[in-house]
Amino acid sequence: MYKMVLRLDVGSRAEDFTLASCKGGNIRLSDLIDKGVVFFTFYRGGFDPESVRYLKALKDSYGKIREEGADVLVITPELPPKAAKVAGELALPFGVACDTDMGVAKMYDVYDKVMNWCWPAGFIVGKDGVIQYAFRGASPPNTPPVDYVVRKIEQLKKADEQPQPAAKAA
């Protein structure tokens, strides 16, 4: 038995990154975190039917995710024009970023060396920048369960709303 050591996992501070948006410009993780909880997920691309199914499921749950004060960013290794085509065809309401050099996939330990591509994966990062949930799939359709992601985001919101205990006087 062995234990896989991952650089960035639950309890770790999320490493910031900036990626090209498929719509032009850049998307920076820390800018999203400044606004609240973020779920970012890696998908293989528009060529993969499981990825398309997953993007549709995220789109269907996006309203609930936003109600909970969180946002979604999806990341693909595809080039921006291909990612923009998929985002447009599916009318995705969230950010789509392109990790064409796989730098962020490598940073978050979701890079498949054999295929030179990313594995399906997802991370929830709290307002404090700490990773609250990490999912790394070995292959499609092994993707972060959307229903579970929504429940986890709801739990984080409830925890944030709990009154904090008063500090004890010295």
N, C-alpha and C. Protein backbone atom coordinates (compact mmCIF):
# COMPACT_ATOMS: atom_id res chain seq x y z
N MET A 1 0.84 -1.17 0.00
CA MET A 1 0.00 0.00 0.00
C MET A 1 0.89 1.23 0.00
N TYR A 2 0.50 2.24 -0.76
CA TYR A 2 1.26 3.48 -0.78
C TYR A 2 0.30 4.65 -0.72
N LYS A 3 0.84 5.78 -0.35
CA LYS A 3 0.03 6.99 -0.29
C LYS A 3 0.57 7.96 -1.34
N MET A 4 -0.32 8.41 -2.19
CA MET A 4 0.07 9.36 -3.20
C MET A 4 0.18 10.74 -2.54
N VAL A 5 1.28 11.41 -2.75
CA VAL A 5 1.48 12.73 -2.18
C VAL A 5 1.16 13.77 -3.25
N LEU A 6 0.20 14.61 -2.95
CA LEU A 6 -0.22 15.65 -3.87
C LEU A 6 0.18 17.00 -3.28
N ARG A 7 0.72 17.84 -4.11
CA ARG A 7 1.14 19.16 -3.65
C ARG A 7 -0.04 20.01 -3.21
N LEU A 8 -1.11 19.99 -3.97
CA LEU A 8 -2.28 20.81 -3.65
C LEU A 8 -3.48 19.92 -3.42
N ASP A 9 -3.92 19.87 -2.17
CA ASP A 9 -5.05 19.02 -1.81
C ASP A 9 -5.88 19.75 -0.76
N VAL A 10 -6.90 19.11 -0.25
CA VAL A 10 -7.77 19.72 0.75
C VAL A 10 -6.92 20.22 1.92
N GLY A 11 -7.17 21.47 2.29
CA GLY A 11 -6.42 22.09 3.38
C GLY A 11 -5.23 22.91 2.91
N SER A 12 -4.84 22.74 1.65
CA SER A 12 -3.73 23.53 1.08
C SER A 12 -4.26 24.86 0.58
N ARG A 13 -3.40 25.84 0.58
CA ARG A 13 -3.75 27.12 -0.03
C ARG A 13 -3.68 26.93 -1.54
N ALA A 14 -4.74 27.34 -2.23
CA ALA A 14 -4.80 27.21 -3.69
C ALA A 14 -3.73 28.12 -4.30
N GLU A 15 -3.01 27.59 -5.27
CA GLU A 15 -2.03 28.41 -5.98
C GLU A 15 -2.74 29.21 -7.06
N ASP A 16 -2.40 30.47 -7.12
CA ASP A 16 -3.03 31.36 -8.09
C ASP A 16 -2.55 31.03 -9.50
N PHE A 17 -3.40 31.33 -10.45
CA PHE A 17 -3.03 31.18 -11.86
C PHE A 17 -3.82 32.17 -12.69
N THR A 18 -3.30 32.46 -13.84
CA THR A 18 -3.96 33.30 -14.82
C THR A 18 -3.97 32.55 -16.13
N LEU A 19 -5.15 32.40 -16.72
CA LEU A 19 -5.30 31.70 -17.99
C LEU A 19 -6.06 32.56 -18.98
N ALA A 20 -5.86 32.26 -20.26
CA ALA A 20 -6.60 32.95 -21.31
C ALA A 20 -8.06 32.52 -21.28
N SER A 21 -8.95 33.51 -21.32
CA SER A 21 -10.37 33.22 -21.44
C SER A 21 -10.66 32.91 -22.90
N CYS A 22 -11.60 32.00 -23.13
CA CYS A 22 -11.95 31.68 -24.51
C CYS A 22 -12.63 32.86 -25.19
N LYS A 23 -13.08 33.84 -24.40
CA LYS A 23 -13.75 35.03 -24.96
C LYS A 23 -12.78 36.19 -25.13
N GLY A 24 -11.51 35.95 -24.86
CA GLY A 24 -10.51 37.01 -24.91
C GLY A 24 -10.19 37.50 -23.51
N GLY A 25 -9.04 38.07 -23.35
CA GLY A 25 -8.61 38.53 -22.03
C GLY A 25 -8.14 37.35 -21.19
N ASN A 26 -8.00 37.61 -19.91
CA ASN A 26 -7.51 36.60 -18.98
C ASN A 26 -8.47 36.41 -17.82
N ILE A 27 -8.37 35.25 -17.21
CA ILE A 27 -9.11 34.94 -15.99
C ILE A 27 -8.08 34.56 -14.94
N ARG A 28 -8.17 35.23 -13.79
CA ARG A 28 -7.24 34.96 -12.70
C ARG A 28 -8.00 34.38 -11.52
N LEU A 29 -7.51 33.26 -10.99
CA LEU A 29 -8.19 32.59 -9.88
C LEU A 29 -8.38 33.52 -8.69
N SER A 30 -7.36 34.26 -8.31
CA SER A 30 -7.48 35.11 -7.12
C SER A 30 -8.55 36.19 -7.29
N ASP A 31 -8.77 36.66 -8.52
CA ASP A 31 -9.85 37.63 -8.75
C ASP A 31 -11.21 37.01 -8.47
N LEU A 32 -11.38 35.74 -8.83
CA LEU A 32 -12.64 35.05 -8.56
C LEU A 32 -12.80 34.79 -7.07
N ILE A 33 -11.73 34.39 -6.41
CA ILE A 33 -11.78 34.12 -4.96
C ILE A 33 -12.12 35.38 -4.19
N ASP A 34 -11.64 36.53 -4.66
CA ASP A 34 -11.97 37.80 -3.98
C ASP A 34 -13.47 38.04 -3.91
N LYS A 35 -14.22 37.41 -4.82
CA LYS A 35 -15.68 37.60 -4.88
C LYS A 35 -16.43 36.50 -4.12
N GLY A 36 -15.75 35.41 -3.74
CA GLY A 36 -16.42 34.34 -3.01
C GLY A 36 -15.83 32.97 -3.32
N VAL A 37 -16.58 31.95 -2.97
CA VAL A 37 -16.18 30.56 -3.18
C VAL A 37 -16.09 30.29 -4.69
N VAL A 38 -15.12 29.48 -5.08
CA VAL A 38 -14.93 29.15 -6.50
C VAL A 38 -14.83 27.65 -6.66
N PHE A 39 -15.57 27.13 -7.63
CA PHE A 39 -15.39 25.74 -8.07
C PHE A 39 -14.75 25.82 -9.44
N PHE A 40 -13.51 25.31 -9.55
CA PHE A 40 -12.91 25.24 -10.87
C PHE A 40 -12.68 23.78 -11.22
N THR A 41 -12.92 23.49 -12.48
CA THR A 41 -12.89 22.11 -12.93
C THR A 41 -12.20 21.99 -14.27
N PHE A 42 -11.51 20.89 -14.46
CA PHE A 42 -10.83 20.61 -15.71
C PHE A 42 -11.69 19.66 -16.54
N TYR A 43 -11.86 20.00 -17.81
CA TYR A 43 -12.56 19.09 -18.72
C TYR A 43 -11.69 18.88 -19.95
N ARG A 44 -11.84 17.73 -20.56
CA ARG A 44 -10.95 17.32 -21.65
C ARG A 44 -11.14 18.11 -22.93
N GLY A 45 -12.36 18.47 -23.26
CA GLY A 45 -12.58 19.27 -24.46
C GLY A 45 -13.90 18.95 -25.12
N GLY A 46 -14.25 19.75 -26.08
CA GLY A 46 -15.52 19.59 -26.78
C GLY A 46 -15.62 18.33 -27.61
N PHE A 47 -14.50 17.69 -27.89
CA PHE A 47 -14.50 16.43 -28.65
C PHE A 47 -14.98 15.26 -27.81
N ASP A 48 -14.98 15.42 -26.50
CA ASP A 48 -15.28 14.33 -25.57
C ASP A 48 -16.74 14.41 -25.13
N PRO A 49 -17.57 13.42 -25.51
CA PRO A 49 -18.99 13.46 -25.14
C PRO A 49 -19.23 13.55 -23.64
N GLU A 50 -18.38 12.92 -22.84
CA GLU A 50 -18.54 12.98 -21.38
C GLU A 50 -18.27 14.39 -20.87
N SER A 51 -17.29 15.07 -21.46
CA SER A 51 -17.02 16.45 -21.07
C SER A 51 -18.21 17.35 -21.39
N VAL A 52 -18.79 17.16 -22.56
CA VAL A 52 -19.96 17.96 -22.96
C VAL A 52 -21.13 17.69 -22.01
N ARG A 53 -21.36 16.43 -21.68
CA ARG A 53 -22.42 16.08 -20.73
C ARG A 53 -22.17 16.77 -19.38
N TYR A 54 -20.92 16.76 -18.93
CA TYR A 54 -20.56 17.36 -17.66
C TYR A 54 -20.78 18.88 -17.69
N LEU A 55 -20.38 19.52 -18.78
CA LEU A 55 -20.58 20.97 -18.90
C LEU A 55 -22.06 21.32 -18.86
N LYS A 56 -22.89 20.49 -19.50
CA LYS A 56 -24.34 20.72 -19.47
C LYS A 56 -24.88 20.58 -18.05
N ALA A 57 -24.39 19.59 -17.31
CA ALA A 57 -24.83 19.40 -15.92
C ALA A 57 -24.42 20.60 -15.05
N LEU A 58 -23.21 21.11 -15.26
CA LEU A 58 -22.78 22.31 -14.52
C LEU A 58 -23.65 23.51 -14.88
N LYS A 59 -23.95 23.64 -16.15
CA LYS A 59 -24.81 24.75 -16.59
C LYS A 59 -26.17 24.66 -15.91
N ASP A 60 -26.74 23.46 -15.84
CA ASP A 60 -28.05 23.26 -15.21
C ASP A 60 -28.03 23.61 -13.72
N SER A 61 -26.88 23.44 -13.07
CA SER A 61 -26.77 23.72 -11.63
C SER A 61 -26.19 25.09 -11.33
N TYR A 62 -25.82 25.82 -12.34
CA TYR A 62 -25.14 27.10 -12.13
C TYR A 62 -25.99 28.10 -11.34
N GLY A 63 -27.27 28.15 -11.60
CA GLY A 63 -28.14 29.07 -10.86
C GLY A 63 -28.08 28.81 -9.36
N LYS A 64 -28.13 27.56 -8.96
CA LYS A 64 -28.07 27.20 -7.54
C LYS A 64 -26.69 27.54 -6.96
N ILE A 65 -25.64 27.27 -7.74
CA ILE A 65 -24.28 27.59 -7.29
C ILE A 65 -24.16 29.09 -7.05
N ARG A 66 -24.67 29.90 -7.96
CA ARG A 66 -24.62 31.36 -7.81
C ARG A 66 -25.44 31.82 -6.61
N GLU A 67 -26.61 31.17 -6.38
CA GLU A 67 -27.43 31.51 -5.21
C GLU A 67 -26.65 31.33 -3.92
N GLU A 68 -25.75 30.38 -3.92
CA GLU A 68 -24.95 30.10 -2.73
C GLU A 68 -23.72 31.01 -2.64
N GLY A 69 -23.59 31.94 -3.58
CA GLY A 69 -22.49 32.90 -3.54
C GLY A 69 -21.19 32.40 -4.14
N ALA A 70 -21.26 31.33 -4.91
CA ALA A 70 -20.06 30.75 -5.51
C ALA A 70 -20.06 30.98 -7.02
N ASP A 71 -18.93 30.74 -7.63
CA ASP A 71 -18.82 30.83 -9.08
C ASP A 71 -18.11 29.60 -9.61
N VAL A 72 -18.17 29.44 -10.92
CA VAL A 72 -17.60 28.28 -11.60
C VAL A 72 -16.63 28.76 -12.66
N LEU A 73 -15.53 28.07 -12.79
CA LEU A 73 -14.58 28.26 -13.88
C LEU A 73 -14.25 26.89 -14.43
N VAL A 74 -14.41 26.72 -15.74
CA VAL A 74 -14.04 25.46 -16.36
C VAL A 74 -12.77 25.68 -17.17
N ILE A 75 -11.88 24.68 -17.13
CA ILE A 75 -10.56 24.79 -17.74
C ILE A 75 -10.36 23.63 -18.70
N THR A 76 -9.88 23.93 -19.90
CA THR A 76 -9.61 22.92 -20.90
C THR A 76 -8.23 23.14 -21.51
N PRO A 77 -7.59 22.08 -21.97
CA PRO A 77 -6.32 22.25 -22.69
C PRO A 77 -6.51 22.72 -24.14
N GLU A 78 -7.76 22.77 -24.58
CA GLU A 78 -8.01 23.15 -25.97
C GLU A 78 -7.65 24.61 -26.22
N LEU A 79 -7.43 24.93 -27.49
CA LEU A 79 -7.13 26.29 -27.90
C LEU A 79 -8.38 27.16 -27.74
N PRO A 80 -8.20 28.47 -27.50
CA PRO A 80 -9.35 29.34 -27.29
C PRO A 80 -10.44 29.27 -28.37
N PRO A 81 -10.13 29.22 -29.65
CA PRO A 81 -11.23 29.16 -30.63
C PRO A 81 -12.10 27.90 -30.48
N LYS A 82 -11.47 26.77 -30.18
CA LYS A 82 -12.25 25.54 -29.98
C LYS A 82 -13.08 25.64 -28.71
N ALA A 83 -12.48 26.15 -27.64
CA ALA A 83 -13.21 26.29 -26.38
C ALA A 83 -14.35 27.30 -26.53
N ALA A 84 -14.12 28.37 -27.28
CA ALA A 84 -15.17 29.37 -27.50
C ALA A 84 -16.34 28.77 -28.28
N LYS A 85 -16.03 27.90 -29.23
CA LYS A 85 -17.10 27.27 -30.02
C LYS A 85 -17.99 26.41 -29.11
N VAL A 86 -17.37 25.62 -28.24
CA VAL A 86 -18.13 24.78 -27.31
C VAL A 86 -18.93 25.65 -26.34
N ALA A 87 -18.28 26.68 -25.78
CA ALA A 87 -18.96 27.57 -24.84
C ALA A 87 -20.16 28.23 -25.50
N GLY A 88 -20.02 28.63 -26.75
CA GLY A 88 -21.12 29.26 -27.47
C GLY A 88 -22.24 28.29 -27.79
N GLU A 89 -21.88 27.11 -28.28
CA GLU A 89 -22.90 26.11 -28.62
C GLU A 89 -23.71 25.69 -27.41
N LEU A 90 -23.05 25.61 -26.25
CA LEU A 90 -23.73 25.20 -25.03
C LEU A 90 -24.29 26.38 -24.23
N ALA A 91 -23.99 27.59 -24.68
CA ALA A 91 -24.40 28.82 -23.98
C ALA A 91 -23.99 28.77 -22.51
N LEU A 92 -22.71 28.49 -22.27
CA LEU A 92 -22.21 28.36 -20.90
C LEU A 92 -22.21 29.73 -20.22
N PRO A 93 -22.80 29.81 -19.02
CA PRO A 93 -22.90 31.10 -18.32
C PRO A 93 -21.69 31.42 -17.45
N PHE A 94 -20.72 30.52 -17.37
CA PHE A 94 -19.55 30.71 -16.52
C PHE A 94 -18.29 30.83 -17.37
N GLY A 95 -17.19 31.19 -16.71
CA GLY A 95 -15.93 31.38 -17.41
C GLY A 95 -15.36 30.08 -17.95
N VAL A 96 -14.76 30.17 -19.13
CA VAL A 96 -14.08 29.04 -19.76
C VAL A 96 -12.65 29.51 -20.04
N ALA A 97 -11.68 28.82 -19.45
CA ALA A 97 -10.28 29.19 -19.59
C ALA A 97 -9.50 28.09 -20.30
N CYS A 98 -8.42 28.49 -20.96
CA CYS A 98 -7.63 27.56 -21.76
C CYS A 98 -6.23 27.39 -21.17
N ASP A 99 -5.91 26.19 -20.80
CA ASP A 99 -4.62 25.82 -20.22
C ASP A 99 -3.82 25.07 -21.29
N THR A 100 -3.49 25.77 -22.37
CA THR A 100 -2.91 25.10 -23.54
C THR A 100 -1.53 24.50 -23.29
N ASP A 101 -0.78 25.05 -22.36
CA ASP A 101 0.54 24.47 -22.06
C ASP A 101 0.48 23.49 -20.89
N MET A 102 -0.71 23.27 -20.36
CA MET A 102 -0.97 22.34 -19.25
C MET A 102 -0.24 22.73 -17.96
N GLY A 103 0.14 24.00 -17.85
CA GLY A 103 0.83 24.47 -16.65
C GLY A 103 -0.03 24.36 -15.40
N VAL A 104 -1.31 24.72 -15.50
CA VAL A 104 -2.20 24.65 -14.33
C VAL A 104 -2.56 23.19 -14.05
N ALA A 105 -2.76 22.40 -15.09
CA ALA A 105 -3.03 20.96 -14.89
C ALA A 105 -1.87 20.31 -14.15
N LYS A 106 -0.66 20.67 -14.49
CA LYS A 106 0.52 20.13 -13.80
C LYS A 106 0.58 20.64 -12.36
N MET A 107 0.30 21.94 -12.19
CA MET A 107 0.33 22.56 -10.86
C MET A 107 -0.62 21.84 -9.90
N TYR A 108 -1.80 21.46 -10.40
CA TYR A 108 -2.83 20.83 -9.56
C TYR A 108 -2.84 19.30 -9.68
N ASP A 109 -1.77 18.73 -10.20
CA ASP A 109 -1.60 17.27 -10.27
C ASP A 109 -2.73 16.57 -11.02
N VAL A 110 -3.14 17.15 -12.15
CA VAL A 110 -4.17 16.51 -12.98
C VAL A 110 -3.69 16.36 -14.42
N TYR A 111 -2.39 16.31 -14.59
CA TYR A 111 -1.78 16.18 -15.91
C TYR A 111 -1.50 14.71 -16.20
N ASP A 112 -1.96 14.25 -17.33
CA ASP A 112 -1.73 12.86 -17.77
C ASP A 112 -0.52 12.86 -18.71
N LYS A 113 0.61 12.37 -18.20
CA LYS A 113 1.85 12.37 -18.97
C LYS A 113 1.76 11.49 -20.21
N VAL A 114 1.04 10.40 -20.11
CA VAL A 114 0.93 9.46 -21.24
C VAL A 114 0.17 10.10 -22.40
N MET A 115 -0.94 10.74 -22.11
CA MET A 115 -1.78 11.33 -23.15
C MET A 115 -1.42 12.79 -23.45
N ASN A 116 -0.56 13.38 -22.61
CA ASN A 116 -0.22 14.80 -22.72
C ASN A 116 -1.50 15.64 -22.73
N TRP A 117 -2.35 15.38 -21.75
CA TRP A 117 -3.65 16.04 -21.64
C TRP A 117 -4.01 16.10 -20.17
N CYS A 118 -5.17 16.64 -19.82
CA CYS A 118 -5.56 16.70 -18.41
C CYS A 118 -6.57 15.60 -18.08
N TRP A 119 -6.58 15.23 -16.82
CA TRP A 119 -7.60 14.33 -16.30
C TRP A 119 -8.80 15.16 -15.90
N PRO A 120 -10.00 14.57 -15.87
CA PRO A 120 -11.14 15.29 -15.30
C PRO A 120 -10.87 15.53 -13.81
N ALA A 121 -11.14 16.74 -13.36
CA ALA A 121 -10.85 17.08 -11.97
C ALA A 121 -11.64 18.30 -11.56
N GLY A 122 -11.73 18.53 -10.26
CA GLY A 122 -12.41 19.72 -9.77
C GLY A 122 -11.96 20.08 -8.37
N PHE A 123 -11.98 21.38 -8.07
CA PHE A 123 -11.54 21.89 -6.78
C PHE A 123 -12.50 22.99 -6.33
N ILE A 124 -12.88 22.94 -5.06
CA ILE A 124 -13.63 24.05 -4.47
C ILE A 124 -12.65 24.80 -3.57
N VAL A 125 -12.58 26.11 -3.80
CA VAL A 125 -11.69 26.97 -3.01
C VAL A 125 -12.56 27.95 -2.23
N GLY A 126 -12.35 27.98 -0.91
CA GLY A 126 -13.10 28.87 -0.05
C GLY A 126 -12.66 30.32 -0.21
N LYS A 127 -13.42 31.21 0.42
CA LYS A 127 -13.12 32.64 0.36
C LYS A 127 -11.74 32.95 0.94
N ASP A 128 -11.26 32.06 1.79
CA ASP A 128 -9.94 32.25 2.41
C ASP A 128 -8.81 31.74 1.52
N GLY A 129 -9.15 31.19 0.33
CA GLY A 129 -8.12 30.70 -0.58
C GLY A 129 -7.66 29.28 -0.30
N VAL A 130 -8.33 28.60 0.62
CA VAL A 130 -7.95 27.24 0.99
C VAL A 130 -8.83 26.24 0.22
N ILE A 131 -8.20 25.20 -0.27
CA ILE A 131 -8.93 24.16 -1.00
C ILE A 131 -9.80 23.38 -0.02
N GLN A 132 -11.11 23.36 -0.28
CA GLN A 132 -12.08 22.69 0.58
C GLN A 132 -12.51 21.33 0.03
N TYR A 133 -12.29 21.12 -1.26
CA TYR A 133 -12.70 19.88 -1.93
C TYR A 133 -11.79 19.69 -3.12
N ALA A 134 -11.32 18.45 -3.29
CA ALA A 134 -10.48 18.12 -4.44
C ALA A 134 -10.92 16.78 -5.00
N PHE A 135 -11.10 16.74 -6.29
CA PHE A 135 -11.49 15.51 -6.98
C PHE A 135 -10.60 15.36 -8.20
N ARG A 136 -9.97 14.21 -8.30
CA ARG A 136 -9.13 13.91 -9.45
C ARG A 136 -9.61 12.59 -10.04
N GLY A 137 -10.11 12.65 -11.26
CA GLY A 137 -10.58 11.45 -11.95
C GLY A 137 -9.46 10.88 -12.81
N ALA A 138 -9.49 9.56 -12.98
CA ALA A 138 -8.47 8.92 -13.80
C ALA A 138 -8.83 8.96 -15.28
N SER A 139 -10.09 9.03 -15.58
CA SER A 139 -10.54 9.07 -16.97
C SER A 139 -12.02 9.43 -16.99
N PRO A 140 -12.51 9.91 -18.16
CA PRO A 140 -13.94 10.16 -18.25
C PRO A 140 -14.68 8.84 -18.16
N PRO A 141 -15.84 8.75 -17.64
CA PRO A 141 -16.70 9.82 -17.15
C PRO A 141 -16.49 10.11 -15.68
N ASN A 142 -15.33 9.83 -15.16
CA ASN A 142 -15.02 10.01 -13.75
C ASN A 142 -14.80 11.50 -13.46
N THR A 143 -15.91 12.24 -13.31
CA THR A 143 -15.87 13.68 -13.09
C THR A 143 -16.41 14.01 -11.71
N PRO A 144 -16.08 15.21 -11.20
CA PRO A 144 -16.62 15.59 -9.89
C PRO A 144 -18.15 15.61 -9.94
N PRO A 145 -18.81 14.88 -9.06
CA PRO A 145 -20.28 14.83 -9.09
C PRO A 145 -20.90 16.21 -8.83
N VAL A 146 -21.65 16.71 -9.78
CA VAL A 146 -22.20 18.06 -9.69
C VAL A 146 -23.10 18.20 -8.46
N ASP A 147 -23.94 17.23 -8.17
CA ASP A 147 -24.81 17.32 -7.00
C ASP A 147 -24.00 17.44 -5.71
N TYR A 148 -22.90 16.70 -5.63
CA TYR A 148 -22.05 16.77 -4.45
C TYR A 148 -21.37 18.13 -4.36
N VAL A 149 -20.91 18.65 -5.48
CA VAL A 149 -20.28 19.97 -5.50
C VAL A 149 -21.26 21.03 -4.98
N VAL A 150 -22.49 20.98 -5.44
CA VAL A 150 -23.50 21.94 -4.98
C VAL A 150 -23.71 21.80 -3.48
N ARG A 151 -23.84 20.57 -2.98
CA ARG A 151 -24.03 20.36 -1.52
C ARG A 151 -22.83 20.89 -0.74
N LYS A 152 -21.63 20.66 -1.22
CA LYS A 152 -20.42 21.12 -0.54
C LYS A 152 -20.39 22.65 -0.48
N ILE A 153 -20.78 23.29 -1.57
CA ILE A 153 -20.84 24.75 -1.60
C ILE A 153 -21.89 25.26 -0.62
N GLU A 154 -23.04 24.58 -0.54
CA GLU A 154 -24.08 24.94 0.44
C GLU A 154 -23.53 24.83 1.85
N GLN A 155 -22.78 23.77 2.14
CA GLN A 155 -22.19 23.58 3.47
C GLN A 155 -21.22 24.72 3.80
N LEU A 156 -20.43 25.11 2.83
CA LEU A 156 -19.47 26.20 3.06
C LEU A 156 -20.20 27.51 3.37
N LYS A 157 -21.29 27.77 2.67
CA LYS A 157 -22.06 28.99 2.94
C LYS A 157 -22.65 28.95 4.34
N LYS A 158 -23.20 27.80 4.74
CA LYS A 158 -23.77 27.68 6.09
C LYS A 158 -22.69 27.88 7.15
N ALA A 159 -21.52 27.33 6.92
CA ALA A 159 -20.41 27.49 7.87
C ALA A 159 -20.00 28.95 7.98
N ASP A 160 -20.00 29.66 6.86
CA ASP A 160 -19.66 31.09 6.86
C ASP A 160 -20.70 31.91 7.61
N GLU A 161 -21.96 31.45 7.59
CA GLU A 161 -23.04 32.20 8.23
C GLU A 161 -23.13 31.92 9.73
N GLN A 162 -22.46 30.89 10.21
CA GLN A 162 -22.47 30.58 11.64
C GLN A 162 -21.78 31.67 12.43
N PRO A 163 -22.35 32.08 13.55
CA PRO A 163 -21.67 33.09 14.36
C PRO A 163 -20.35 32.52 14.90
N GLN A 164 -19.33 33.35 14.83
CA GLN A 164 -18.02 32.93 15.32
C GLN A 164 -17.96 33.14 16.82
N PRO A 165 -17.34 32.21 17.56
CA PRO A 165 -17.23 32.39 19.01
C PRO A 165 -16.39 33.64 19.32
N ALA A 166 -16.80 34.33 20.38
CA ALA A 166 -16.07 35.53 20.79
C ALA A 166 -14.72 35.13 21.34
N ALA A 167 -13.75 35.97 21.07
CA ALA A 167 -12.39 35.71 21.57
C ALA A 167 -12.40 35.90 23.09
N LYS A 168 -11.68 35.03 23.77
CA LYS A 168 -11.60 35.13 25.23
C LYS A 168 -10.68 36.26 25.64
N ALA A 169 -11.09 37.00 26.63
CA ALA A 169 -10.25 38.09 27.15
C ALA A 169 -9.11 37.49 27.95
N ALA A 170 -7.97 38.13 27.86
CA ALA A 170 -6.79 37.62 28.56
C ALA A 170 -6.80 37.98 30.00
